[in-house]
Structure formats: C-alpha cells, structure tokens
Amino acid sequence: MKDLGTVKKLLGMEITRDRSVGKLFLSQQAYFEKVLNMNNAKPVTVPFVAHFKLSADMSPKTDEEMEHMSSVPYSSAFGSIMYAMVCTRRDISHAVSVVSRYMACPGKEHWQAVKWILRYLKGTTDIGLTFDRAKMSDSVVSYVDSDFTGDLDKRRSLTVSAEGFGNVMRPQGRNFLFNLTA
C-alpha cells in the first residue's frame, strides 16, 4: 500500500484541513462548476421563494406539453442538486423536498423551481460544511419547523427537523437561520 498524503478531494468534495486550529471544511465548488454548468445563470440569494406554489395540477396535460418536458433534464438536474444536498448543502433540503414530489411528471413550473435552486447553488458555491474542534461540546441540539398545509396536492403540513451533536456542522461563508448554536 502506498501513502498518497492528505486527502484533498473525495467524491466530488474538496477537503480543506487546518490541523493547527482543528478545522475541516468540505465544499463542492468544483462540482458545481463542472456538473451544473450554469455559467450564464443569474445567481439568486435564497434556495426557494414563496411564489413557487407547486402542485400536481401543473404537470403536463397536452401531448405538446409532454413532448416539451420529455426533452427537459429534470431528473438529471434533480439528482445533481440532491447529491449536493446530501454531501455539503443542507440549506437546500426543503427546496429539494418540494421539487422531488413531481419527479414522475414534472411540468414547466416544476422545472422553473429546479432551475431556481441551480441558480442559488451558482451564487453560493463558497458555502460548505465546517467541522470545528474548538466548538465541540457534549450537547445535543434539535430544531423543528413546520408549515400549515404546505403540500397543495394532499393538504398536509410538512414538518422538518434538524439534529446536531456538539455543534459539529455549521454553514461556512454565509449567515443562515439554521446555524446549530444554542
């Protein structure tokens, strides 16, 4: 076996380590630039906005609409943003959850919402996960949020929770409402 030194990249994530201060930073900046290919997109500052009132009624109804949507890379784009969410971008979890409901039959409005998320990722490539040894503690933190009948199709409320142990993960590069601090 050969020692190749400190890992710099793993599964599309860049790893930056500063052992002197006990910090590890994971980001996917190169992944976003290569895979998402959004060079001409205008960045936005939030992952999802209230004007996206998505429902199954927005799915294609006519043959012409279905033909148009068959050429749209909805599944591929969704897979790319979901991979980003799972690895380093927990801030897009709600948006990914909403657009995932329409994977079977996405319409133009659903595609607009996916493109919005991609534009958000384009404008926030510097965000990732920071693991900070100095911020470690023995506390468990949990946050819960819900909406009232946010699912327009089934008229159900959506509840989301986030748990952390010892403030291990926190966003890097921007201020977020879900920062794991008590």
N, C-alpha and C. Protein backbone atom coordinates (compact mmCIF):
# COMPACT_ATOMS: atom_id res chain seq x y z
N MET A 1 0.84 -1.16 0.00
CA MET A 1 0.00 0.00 0.00
C MET A 1 0.89 1.24 0.00
N LYS A 2 0.45 2.27 -0.70
CA LYS A 2 1.24 3.49 -0.84
C LYS A 2 0.53 4.66 -0.19
N ASP A 3 1.25 5.44 0.60
CA ASP A 3 0.69 6.63 1.23
C ASP A 3 0.69 7.77 0.22
N LEU A 4 -0.49 8.26 -0.11
CA LEU A 4 -0.63 9.34 -1.08
C LEU A 4 -0.75 10.71 -0.42
N GLY A 5 -0.58 10.76 0.88
CA GLY A 5 -0.65 12.04 1.59
C GLY A 5 -2.06 12.37 2.04
N THR A 6 -2.24 13.60 2.44
CA THR A 6 -3.54 14.07 2.94
C THR A 6 -4.54 14.15 1.79
N VAL A 7 -5.74 13.68 2.04
CA VAL A 7 -6.78 13.71 1.02
C VAL A 7 -7.20 15.15 0.75
N LYS A 8 -7.31 15.50 -0.53
CA LYS A 8 -7.72 16.85 -0.94
C LYS A 8 -9.11 16.84 -1.58
N LYS A 9 -9.45 15.72 -2.24
CA LYS A 9 -10.75 15.58 -2.90
C LYS A 9 -11.28 14.18 -2.64
N LEU A 10 -12.60 14.11 -2.46
CA LEU A 10 -13.24 12.82 -2.25
C LEU A 10 -14.68 12.92 -2.71
N LEU A 11 -15.06 12.08 -3.67
CA LEU A 11 -16.44 12.00 -4.16
C LEU A 11 -17.00 13.36 -4.57
N GLY A 12 -16.19 14.15 -5.25
CA GLY A 12 -16.64 15.46 -5.73
C GLY A 12 -16.59 16.56 -4.69
N MET A 13 -16.05 16.28 -3.52
CA MET A 13 -15.94 17.29 -2.46
C MET A 13 -14.48 17.68 -2.29
N GLU A 14 -14.24 18.99 -2.13
CA GLU A 14 -12.91 19.47 -1.78
C GLU A 14 -12.80 19.47 -0.26
N ILE A 15 -11.67 19.02 0.22
CA ILE A 15 -11.45 18.95 1.67
C ILE A 15 -10.31 19.89 2.03
N THR A 16 -10.59 20.84 2.89
CA THR A 16 -9.59 21.78 3.37
C THR A 16 -9.43 21.56 4.86
N ARG A 17 -8.22 21.30 5.29
CA ARG A 17 -7.97 20.99 6.69
C ARG A 17 -6.92 21.93 7.25
N ASP A 18 -7.21 22.44 8.44
CA ASP A 18 -6.23 23.25 9.17
C ASP A 18 -6.05 22.60 10.54
N ARG A 19 -5.08 21.73 10.65
CA ARG A 19 -4.86 20.98 11.89
C ARG A 19 -4.47 21.89 13.05
N SER A 20 -3.82 23.01 12.77
CA SER A 20 -3.36 23.89 13.85
C SER A 20 -4.52 24.49 14.63
N VAL A 21 -5.65 24.72 13.98
CA VAL A 21 -6.82 25.27 14.68
C VAL A 21 -7.95 24.24 14.80
N GLY A 22 -7.73 23.05 14.27
CA GLY A 22 -8.72 21.98 14.41
C GLY A 22 -9.97 22.16 13.57
N LYS A 23 -9.80 22.61 12.33
CA LYS A 23 -10.96 22.80 11.45
C LYS A 23 -10.83 21.97 10.19
N LEU A 24 -11.99 21.50 9.73
CA LEU A 24 -12.09 20.76 8.48
C LEU A 24 -13.26 21.37 7.72
N PHE A 25 -13.04 21.72 6.45
CA PHE A 25 -14.07 22.34 5.64
C PHE A 25 -14.31 21.49 4.40
N LEU A 26 -15.58 21.15 4.14
CA LEU A 26 -15.98 20.40 2.95
C LEU A 26 -16.78 21.31 2.04
N SER A 27 -16.42 21.35 0.77
CA SER A 27 -17.19 22.13 -0.20
C SER A 27 -17.26 21.37 -1.52
N GLN A 28 -18.12 21.85 -2.41
CA GLN A 28 -18.28 21.21 -3.72
C GLN A 28 -18.20 22.25 -4.84
N GLN A 29 -17.38 23.24 -4.67
CA GLN A 29 -17.28 24.33 -5.64
C GLN A 29 -16.95 23.82 -7.04
N ALA A 30 -15.96 22.96 -7.18
CA ALA A 30 -15.59 22.44 -8.50
C ALA A 30 -16.71 21.58 -9.08
N TYR A 31 -17.40 20.82 -8.23
CA TYR A 31 -18.54 20.00 -8.68
C TYR A 31 -19.62 20.89 -9.28
N PHE A 32 -19.94 22.00 -8.61
CA PHE A 32 -20.98 22.89 -9.12
C PHE A 32 -20.59 23.47 -10.46
N GLU A 33 -19.35 23.89 -10.59
CA GLU A 33 -18.90 24.50 -11.84
C GLU A 33 -18.87 23.49 -12.98
N LYS A 34 -18.49 22.25 -12.70
CA LYS A 34 -18.38 21.23 -13.74
C LYS A 34 -19.72 20.60 -14.08
N VAL A 35 -20.42 20.12 -13.10
CA VAL A 35 -21.63 19.32 -13.33
C VAL A 35 -22.85 20.18 -13.62
N LEU A 36 -23.03 21.25 -12.87
CA LEU A 36 -24.25 22.04 -13.02
C LEU A 36 -24.21 22.93 -14.26
N ASN A 37 -23.04 23.30 -14.72
CA ASN A 37 -22.88 24.03 -15.97
C ASN A 37 -23.84 25.22 -16.08
N MET A 38 -23.79 26.09 -15.09
CA MET A 38 -24.71 27.23 -15.03
C MET A 38 -23.93 28.54 -15.22
N ASN A 39 -23.02 28.57 -16.17
CA ASN A 39 -22.16 29.74 -16.36
C ASN A 39 -22.93 31.02 -16.68
N ASN A 40 -24.02 30.92 -17.42
CA ASN A 40 -24.76 32.11 -17.83
C ASN A 40 -25.95 32.42 -16.92
N ALA A 41 -26.13 31.65 -15.87
CA ALA A 41 -27.28 31.84 -14.98
C ALA A 41 -27.07 33.04 -14.07
N LYS A 42 -28.16 33.73 -13.78
CA LYS A 42 -28.11 34.85 -12.84
C LYS A 42 -28.32 34.28 -11.43
N PRO A 43 -27.34 34.45 -10.54
CA PRO A 43 -27.46 33.89 -9.19
C PRO A 43 -28.60 34.53 -8.39
N VAL A 44 -29.17 33.74 -7.48
CA VAL A 44 -30.18 34.23 -6.54
C VAL A 44 -29.68 33.97 -5.13
N THR A 45 -30.29 34.63 -4.14
CA THR A 45 -29.76 34.57 -2.78
C THR A 45 -30.50 33.64 -1.84
N VAL A 46 -31.62 33.07 -2.27
CA VAL A 46 -32.37 32.14 -1.43
C VAL A 46 -32.67 30.88 -2.23
N PRO A 47 -32.71 29.71 -1.57
CA PRO A 47 -32.91 28.46 -2.31
C PRO A 47 -34.32 28.25 -2.85
N PHE A 48 -35.31 28.90 -2.27
CA PHE A 48 -36.70 28.71 -2.70
C PHE A 48 -37.48 29.94 -2.29
N VAL A 49 -38.45 30.32 -3.08
CA VAL A 49 -39.24 31.51 -2.76
C VAL A 49 -40.73 31.19 -2.74
N ALA A 50 -41.47 32.03 -2.06
CA ALA A 50 -42.90 31.79 -1.84
C ALA A 50 -43.72 31.79 -3.13
N HIS A 51 -43.25 32.43 -4.19
CA HIS A 51 -44.07 32.45 -5.40
C HIS A 51 -44.11 31.10 -6.12
N PHE A 52 -43.30 30.14 -5.70
CA PHE A 52 -43.40 28.79 -6.24
C PHE A 52 -44.47 28.03 -5.45
N LYS A 53 -45.68 28.08 -5.90
CA LYS A 53 -46.79 27.33 -5.29
C LYS A 53 -47.02 26.10 -6.17
N LEU A 54 -46.17 25.11 -6.01
CA LEU A 54 -46.18 23.96 -6.90
C LEU A 54 -47.26 22.95 -6.51
N SER A 55 -47.86 22.35 -7.53
CA SER A 55 -48.85 21.30 -7.31
C SER A 55 -48.83 20.35 -8.50
N ALA A 56 -49.47 19.20 -8.34
CA ALA A 56 -49.55 18.21 -9.42
C ALA A 56 -50.38 18.73 -10.59
N ASP A 57 -51.25 19.71 -10.34
CA ASP A 57 -52.04 20.30 -11.43
C ASP A 57 -51.17 20.98 -12.47
N MET A 58 -49.94 21.28 -12.12
CA MET A 58 -49.02 21.95 -13.05
C MET A 58 -48.30 20.96 -13.95
N SER A 59 -48.56 19.67 -13.78
CA SER A 59 -47.95 18.65 -14.63
C SER A 59 -48.50 18.77 -16.04
N PRO A 60 -47.76 18.31 -17.05
CA PRO A 60 -48.21 18.44 -18.44
C PRO A 60 -49.55 17.73 -18.67
N LYS A 61 -50.41 18.39 -19.43
CA LYS A 61 -51.73 17.83 -19.74
C LYS A 61 -51.84 17.45 -21.22
N THR A 62 -51.28 18.25 -22.09
CA THR A 62 -51.40 18.00 -23.53
C THR A 62 -50.18 17.23 -24.03
N ASP A 63 -50.34 16.65 -25.22
CA ASP A 63 -49.22 15.94 -25.84
C ASP A 63 -48.05 16.88 -26.12
N GLU A 64 -48.38 18.11 -26.49
CA GLU A 64 -47.33 19.10 -26.78
C GLU A 64 -46.52 19.42 -25.52
N GLU A 65 -47.21 19.59 -24.40
CA GLU A 65 -46.51 19.86 -23.13
C GLU A 65 -45.66 18.67 -22.72
N MET A 66 -46.21 17.46 -22.88
CA MET A 66 -45.46 16.25 -22.52
C MET A 66 -44.22 16.08 -23.40
N GLU A 67 -44.38 16.39 -24.68
CA GLU A 67 -43.24 16.31 -25.60
C GLU A 67 -42.15 17.30 -25.19
N HIS A 68 -42.56 18.52 -24.85
CA HIS A 68 -41.58 19.53 -24.42
C HIS A 68 -40.85 19.07 -23.15
N MET A 69 -41.60 18.59 -22.17
CA MET A 69 -40.98 18.20 -20.90
C MET A 69 -40.13 16.94 -21.02
N SER A 70 -40.37 16.13 -22.05
CA SER A 70 -39.54 14.93 -22.22
C SER A 70 -38.10 15.29 -22.60
N SER A 71 -37.91 16.50 -23.15
CA SER A 71 -36.56 16.93 -23.51
C SER A 71 -35.87 17.72 -22.40
N VAL A 72 -36.56 17.95 -21.31
CA VAL A 72 -36.01 18.71 -20.18
C VAL A 72 -35.27 17.75 -19.24
N PRO A 73 -34.04 18.07 -18.84
CA PRO A 73 -33.26 17.16 -17.98
C PRO A 73 -33.63 17.28 -16.50
N TYR A 74 -34.91 17.16 -16.19
CA TYR A 74 -35.40 17.34 -14.82
C TYR A 74 -34.77 16.33 -13.87
N SER A 75 -34.82 15.05 -14.22
CA SER A 75 -34.28 14.01 -13.33
C SER A 75 -32.79 14.17 -13.10
N SER A 76 -32.07 14.47 -14.15
CA SER A 76 -30.62 14.65 -14.04
C SER A 76 -30.27 15.85 -13.15
N ALA A 77 -30.96 16.96 -13.38
CA ALA A 77 -30.72 18.16 -12.56
C ALA A 77 -31.10 17.89 -11.12
N PHE A 78 -32.23 17.21 -10.92
CA PHE A 78 -32.66 16.89 -9.56
C PHE A 78 -31.61 16.02 -8.87
N GLY A 79 -31.11 15.01 -9.57
CA GLY A 79 -30.08 14.15 -8.98
C GLY A 79 -28.83 14.92 -8.59
N SER A 80 -28.45 15.88 -9.40
CA SER A 80 -27.27 16.70 -9.10
C SER A 80 -27.47 17.55 -7.86
N ILE A 81 -28.65 18.17 -7.74
CA ILE A 81 -28.87 19.01 -6.56
C ILE A 81 -29.08 18.16 -5.31
N MET A 82 -29.64 16.97 -5.49
CA MET A 82 -29.82 16.09 -4.33
C MET A 82 -28.46 15.61 -3.81
N TYR A 83 -27.54 15.30 -4.72
CA TYR A 83 -26.20 14.90 -4.31
C TYR A 83 -25.52 16.03 -3.53
N ALA A 84 -25.67 17.25 -4.01
CA ALA A 84 -25.10 18.41 -3.30
C ALA A 84 -25.72 18.53 -1.91
N MET A 85 -27.03 18.34 -1.82
CA MET A 85 -27.72 18.44 -0.53
C MET A 85 -27.20 17.40 0.46
N VAL A 86 -27.07 16.18 0.00
CA VAL A 86 -26.64 15.09 0.88
C VAL A 86 -25.20 15.30 1.36
N CYS A 87 -24.33 15.79 0.49
CA CYS A 87 -22.91 15.92 0.84
C CYS A 87 -22.61 17.16 1.67
N THR A 88 -22.96 18.34 1.17
CA THR A 88 -22.50 19.56 1.83
C THR A 88 -23.53 20.67 1.93
N ARG A 89 -24.67 20.55 1.30
CA ARG A 89 -25.58 21.69 1.21
C ARG A 89 -26.94 21.41 1.85
N ARG A 90 -26.96 21.32 3.16
CA ARG A 90 -28.21 21.08 3.88
C ARG A 90 -29.18 22.25 3.77
N ASP A 91 -28.69 23.40 3.35
CA ASP A 91 -29.54 24.58 3.23
C ASP A 91 -30.57 24.47 2.11
N ILE A 92 -30.41 23.51 1.20
CA ILE A 92 -31.38 23.35 0.11
C ILE A 92 -32.34 22.19 0.36
N SER A 93 -32.32 21.62 1.55
CA SER A 93 -33.14 20.43 1.85
C SER A 93 -34.62 20.65 1.59
N HIS A 94 -35.16 21.75 2.06
CA HIS A 94 -36.60 21.98 1.87
C HIS A 94 -36.93 22.12 0.38
N ALA A 95 -36.15 22.89 -0.34
CA ALA A 95 -36.39 23.08 -1.76
C ALA A 95 -36.33 21.76 -2.52
N VAL A 96 -35.35 20.93 -2.19
CA VAL A 96 -35.22 19.62 -2.83
C VAL A 96 -36.42 18.74 -2.50
N SER A 97 -36.87 18.81 -1.26
CA SER A 97 -38.05 18.05 -0.85
C SER A 97 -39.27 18.43 -1.67
N VAL A 98 -39.46 19.71 -1.90
CA VAL A 98 -40.64 20.18 -2.65
C VAL A 98 -40.58 19.71 -4.10
N VAL A 99 -39.45 19.92 -4.79
CA VAL A 99 -39.40 19.56 -6.21
C VAL A 99 -39.35 18.04 -6.41
N SER A 100 -38.98 17.29 -5.39
CA SER A 100 -38.95 15.82 -5.52
C SER A 100 -40.34 15.22 -5.67
N ARG A 101 -41.36 15.93 -5.22
CA ARG A 101 -42.74 15.42 -5.31
C ARG A 101 -43.20 15.25 -6.75
N TYR A 102 -42.54 15.90 -7.69
CA TYR A 102 -43.02 15.93 -9.07
C TYR A 102 -42.08 15.21 -10.03
N MET A 103 -41.29 14.30 -9.51
CA MET A 103 -40.34 13.55 -10.34
C MET A 103 -41.05 12.72 -11.41
N ALA A 104 -42.21 12.17 -11.10
CA ALA A 104 -42.90 11.29 -12.03
C ALA A 104 -43.42 12.03 -13.26
N CYS A 105 -43.86 13.27 -13.07
CA CYS A 105 -44.46 14.01 -14.18
C CYS A 105 -44.26 15.51 -13.98
N PRO A 106 -43.04 16.00 -14.15
CA PRO A 106 -42.79 17.42 -13.91
C PRO A 106 -43.34 18.30 -15.03
N GLY A 107 -43.79 19.48 -14.64
CA GLY A 107 -44.27 20.47 -15.59
C GLY A 107 -43.29 21.63 -15.69
N LYS A 108 -43.67 22.62 -16.50
CA LYS A 108 -42.79 23.78 -16.71
C LYS A 108 -42.51 24.53 -15.42
N GLU A 109 -43.52 24.69 -14.57
CA GLU A 109 -43.33 25.41 -13.31
C GLU A 109 -42.40 24.64 -12.38
N HIS A 110 -42.51 23.31 -12.39
CA HIS A 110 -41.62 22.48 -11.57
C HIS A 110 -40.17 22.66 -12.05
N TRP A 111 -40.00 22.69 -13.37
CA TRP A 111 -38.67 22.87 -13.94
C TRP A 111 -38.12 24.25 -13.58
N GLN A 112 -38.97 25.27 -13.57
CA GLN A 112 -38.53 26.61 -13.16
C GLN A 112 -38.02 26.60 -11.72
N ALA A 113 -38.68 25.84 -10.86
CA ALA A 113 -38.25 25.75 -9.46
C ALA A 113 -36.89 25.06 -9.35
N VAL A 114 -36.68 24.00 -10.13
CA VAL A 114 -35.37 23.32 -10.13
C VAL A 114 -34.29 24.27 -10.62
N LYS A 115 -34.59 25.01 -11.68
CA LYS A 115 -33.60 25.97 -12.19
C LYS A 115 -33.31 27.07 -11.16
N TRP A 116 -34.30 27.43 -10.37
CA TRP A 116 -34.08 28.42 -9.31
C TRP A 116 -33.05 27.88 -8.30
N ILE A 117 -33.22 26.62 -7.91
CA ILE A 117 -32.29 26.00 -6.96
C ILE A 117 -30.88 25.98 -7.56
N LEU A 118 -30.78 25.66 -8.85
CA LEU A 118 -29.47 25.66 -9.52
C LEU A 118 -28.86 27.06 -9.52
N ARG A 119 -29.68 28.07 -9.73
CA ARG A 119 -29.19 29.46 -9.69
C ARG A 119 -28.71 29.82 -8.29
N TYR A 120 -29.40 29.32 -7.28
CA TYR A 120 -28.97 29.55 -5.90
C TYR A 120 -27.60 28.90 -5.66
N LEU A 121 -27.45 27.66 -6.12
CA LEU A 121 -26.16 26.98 -5.95
C LEU A 121 -25.05 27.72 -6.70
N LYS A 122 -25.37 28.26 -7.86
CA LYS A 122 -24.38 29.03 -8.62
C LYS A 122 -23.88 30.23 -7.83
N GLY A 123 -24.79 30.89 -7.13
CA GLY A 123 -24.41 32.08 -6.37
C GLY A 123 -23.84 31.82 -5.00
N THR A 124 -23.85 30.56 -4.57
CA THR A 124 -23.39 30.24 -3.22
C THR A 124 -22.40 29.07 -3.22
N THR A 125 -21.53 29.04 -4.22
CA THR A 125 -20.58 27.92 -4.31
C THR A 125 -19.57 27.89 -3.17
N ASP A 126 -19.42 29.00 -2.47
CA ASP A 126 -18.44 29.07 -1.38
C ASP A 126 -18.96 28.49 -0.07
N ILE A 127 -20.20 28.06 -0.04
CA ILE A 127 -20.79 27.50 1.18
C ILE A 127 -20.48 26.01 1.26
N GLY A 128 -20.22 25.54 2.46
CA GLY A 128 -19.97 24.13 2.68
C GLY A 128 -20.19 23.79 4.14
N LEU A 129 -19.58 22.72 4.58
CA LEU A 129 -19.69 22.30 5.98
C LEU A 129 -18.35 22.51 6.68
N THR A 130 -18.43 23.04 7.89
CA THR A 130 -17.23 23.22 8.70
C THR A 130 -17.34 22.34 9.94
N PHE A 131 -16.31 21.56 10.18
CA PHE A 131 -16.20 20.79 11.41
C PHE A 131 -15.13 21.49 12.23
N ASP A 132 -15.49 21.96 13.42
CA ASP A 132 -14.60 22.80 14.23
C ASP A 132 -14.40 22.16 15.60
N ARG A 133 -13.19 21.69 15.87
CA ARG A 133 -12.89 21.03 17.13
C ARG A 133 -13.12 21.96 18.32
N ALA A 134 -12.83 23.25 18.18
CA ALA A 134 -12.99 24.21 19.28
C ALA A 134 -14.46 24.42 19.65
N LYS A 135 -15.37 24.18 18.74
CA LYS A 135 -16.80 24.39 19.00
C LYS A 135 -17.49 23.12 19.52
N MET A 136 -16.74 22.05 19.65
CA MET A 136 -17.32 20.78 20.09
C MET A 136 -17.79 20.88 21.54
N SER A 137 -18.90 20.25 21.81
CA SER A 137 -19.41 20.17 23.17
C SER A 137 -20.16 18.85 23.30
N ASP A 138 -20.68 18.59 24.47
CA ASP A 138 -21.43 17.36 24.69
C ASP A 138 -22.93 17.56 24.53
N SER A 139 -23.34 18.71 24.04
CA SER A 139 -24.77 18.99 23.94
C SER A 139 -25.38 18.45 22.65
N VAL A 140 -26.63 18.09 22.74
CA VAL A 140 -27.42 17.67 21.59
C VAL A 140 -28.39 18.80 21.29
N VAL A 141 -28.44 19.21 20.03
CA VAL A 141 -29.31 20.31 19.62
C VAL A 141 -30.30 19.79 18.60
N SER A 142 -31.55 20.20 18.74
CA SER A 142 -32.58 19.79 17.79
C SER A 142 -33.47 20.98 17.47
N TYR A 143 -33.76 21.15 16.19
CA TYR A 143 -34.66 22.20 15.73
C TYR A 143 -35.78 21.55 14.93
N VAL A 144 -36.98 22.08 15.09
CA VAL A 144 -38.13 21.57 14.35
C VAL A 144 -38.88 22.76 13.78
N ASP A 145 -39.36 22.60 12.55
CA ASP A 145 -40.17 23.63 11.92
C ASP A 145 -41.26 22.94 11.13
N SER A 146 -42.37 23.63 10.94
CA SER A 146 -43.45 23.06 10.14
C SER A 146 -44.20 24.18 9.45
N ASP A 147 -44.93 23.78 8.43
CA ASP A 147 -45.81 24.74 7.77
C ASP A 147 -47.24 24.21 7.87
N PHE A 148 -48.18 25.04 7.60
CA PHE A 148 -49.58 24.64 7.69
C PHE A 148 -50.09 24.38 6.28
N THR A 149 -50.39 23.13 5.99
CA THR A 149 -50.88 22.66 4.68
C THR A 149 -50.04 23.18 3.52
N GLY A 150 -48.73 23.04 3.63
CA GLY A 150 -47.83 23.48 2.57
C GLY A 150 -47.88 22.61 1.33
N ASP A 151 -48.32 21.37 1.47
CA ASP A 151 -48.47 20.47 0.33
C ASP A 151 -49.82 20.76 -0.31
N LEU A 152 -49.82 21.45 -1.43
CA LEU A 152 -51.08 21.86 -2.07
C LEU A 152 -51.87 20.68 -2.63
N ASP A 153 -51.21 19.57 -2.93
CA ASP A 153 -51.90 18.42 -3.51
C ASP A 153 -52.67 17.62 -2.48
N LYS A 154 -52.05 17.35 -1.35
CA LYS A 154 -52.67 16.49 -0.33
C LYS A 154 -53.14 17.25 0.89
N ARG A 155 -52.92 18.57 0.89
CA ARG A 155 -53.32 19.43 2.01
C ARG A 155 -52.78 18.93 3.34
N ARG A 156 -51.49 18.57 3.31
CA ARG A 156 -50.82 18.12 4.53
C ARG A 156 -49.79 19.16 4.94
N SER A 157 -49.51 19.18 6.22
CA SER A 157 -48.45 20.03 6.73
C SER A 157 -47.13 19.29 6.60
N LEU A 158 -46.08 20.03 6.45
CA LEU A 158 -44.75 19.47 6.34
C LEU A 158 -43.97 19.83 7.60
N THR A 159 -43.38 18.82 8.23
CA THR A 159 -42.56 19.05 9.41
C THR A 159 -41.14 18.64 9.09
N VAL A 160 -40.20 19.47 9.46
CA VAL A 160 -38.79 19.22 9.20
C VAL A 160 -38.04 19.36 10.51
N SER A 161 -37.08 18.46 10.74
CA SER A 161 -36.27 18.59 11.94
C SER A 161 -34.80 18.48 11.56
N ALA A 162 -33.97 19.09 12.38
CA ALA A 162 -32.52 19.01 12.20
C ALA A 162 -31.90 18.77 13.56
N GLU A 163 -31.03 17.79 13.61
CA GLU A 163 -30.38 17.46 14.86
C GLU A 163 -28.88 17.61 14.70
N GLY A 164 -28.23 17.96 15.77
CA GLY A 164 -26.78 18.06 15.76
C GLY A 164 -26.23 17.64 17.10
N PHE A 165 -25.01 17.17 17.09
CA PHE A 165 -24.35 16.78 18.33
C PHE A 165 -23.09 17.62 18.47
N GLY A 166 -23.04 18.39 19.54
CA GLY A 166 -21.84 19.16 19.82
C GLY A 166 -21.55 20.25 18.82
N ASN A 167 -22.56 20.75 18.12
CA ASN A 167 -22.38 21.84 17.16
C ASN A 167 -21.34 21.48 16.10
N VAL A 168 -21.36 20.24 15.63
CA VAL A 168 -20.35 19.77 14.69
C VAL A 168 -20.47 20.45 13.33
N MET A 169 -21.67 20.56 12.79
CA MET A 169 -21.82 21.13 11.47
C MET A 169 -22.43 22.52 11.53
N ARG A 170 -21.86 23.41 10.79
CA ARG A 170 -22.44 24.74 10.66
C ARG A 170 -22.05 25.27 9.29
N PRO A 171 -22.90 26.09 8.70
CA PRO A 171 -22.59 26.62 7.37
C PRO A 171 -21.35 27.50 7.38
N GLN A 172 -20.69 27.55 6.29
CA GLN A 172 -19.49 28.36 6.13
C GLN A 172 -19.70 29.34 4.99
N GLY A 173 -19.40 30.60 5.20
CA GLY A 173 -19.42 31.57 4.11
C GLY A 173 -20.61 32.50 4.09
N ARG A 174 -21.71 32.16 4.71
CA ARG A 174 -22.90 33.00 4.75
C ARG A 174 -23.58 32.81 6.11
N ASN A 175 -24.52 33.66 6.43
CA ASN A 175 -25.30 33.52 7.66
C ASN A 175 -26.61 32.82 7.35
N PHE A 176 -26.96 31.82 8.12
CA PHE A 176 -28.19 31.07 7.91
C PHE A 176 -28.99 31.04 9.19
N LEU A 177 -30.28 30.83 9.04
CA LEU A 177 -31.16 30.75 10.20
C LEU A 177 -30.99 29.43 10.95
N PHE A 178 -30.51 28.40 10.28
CA PHE A 178 -30.44 27.09 10.92
C PHE A 178 -29.08 26.78 11.52
N ASN A 179 -28.27 27.76 11.78
CA ASN A 179 -26.96 27.54 12.38
C ASN A 179 -27.12 26.80 13.71
N LEU A 180 -26.36 25.75 13.91
CA LEU A 180 -26.51 24.91 15.10
C LEU A 180 -25.83 25.53 16.31
N THR A 181 -26.39 26.59 16.83
CA THR A 181 -25.89 27.19 18.06
C THR A 181 -27.05 27.41 19.00
N ALA A 182 -26.81 27.16 20.26
CA ALA A 182 -27.89 27.28 21.25
C ALA A 182 -28.00 28.70 21.75
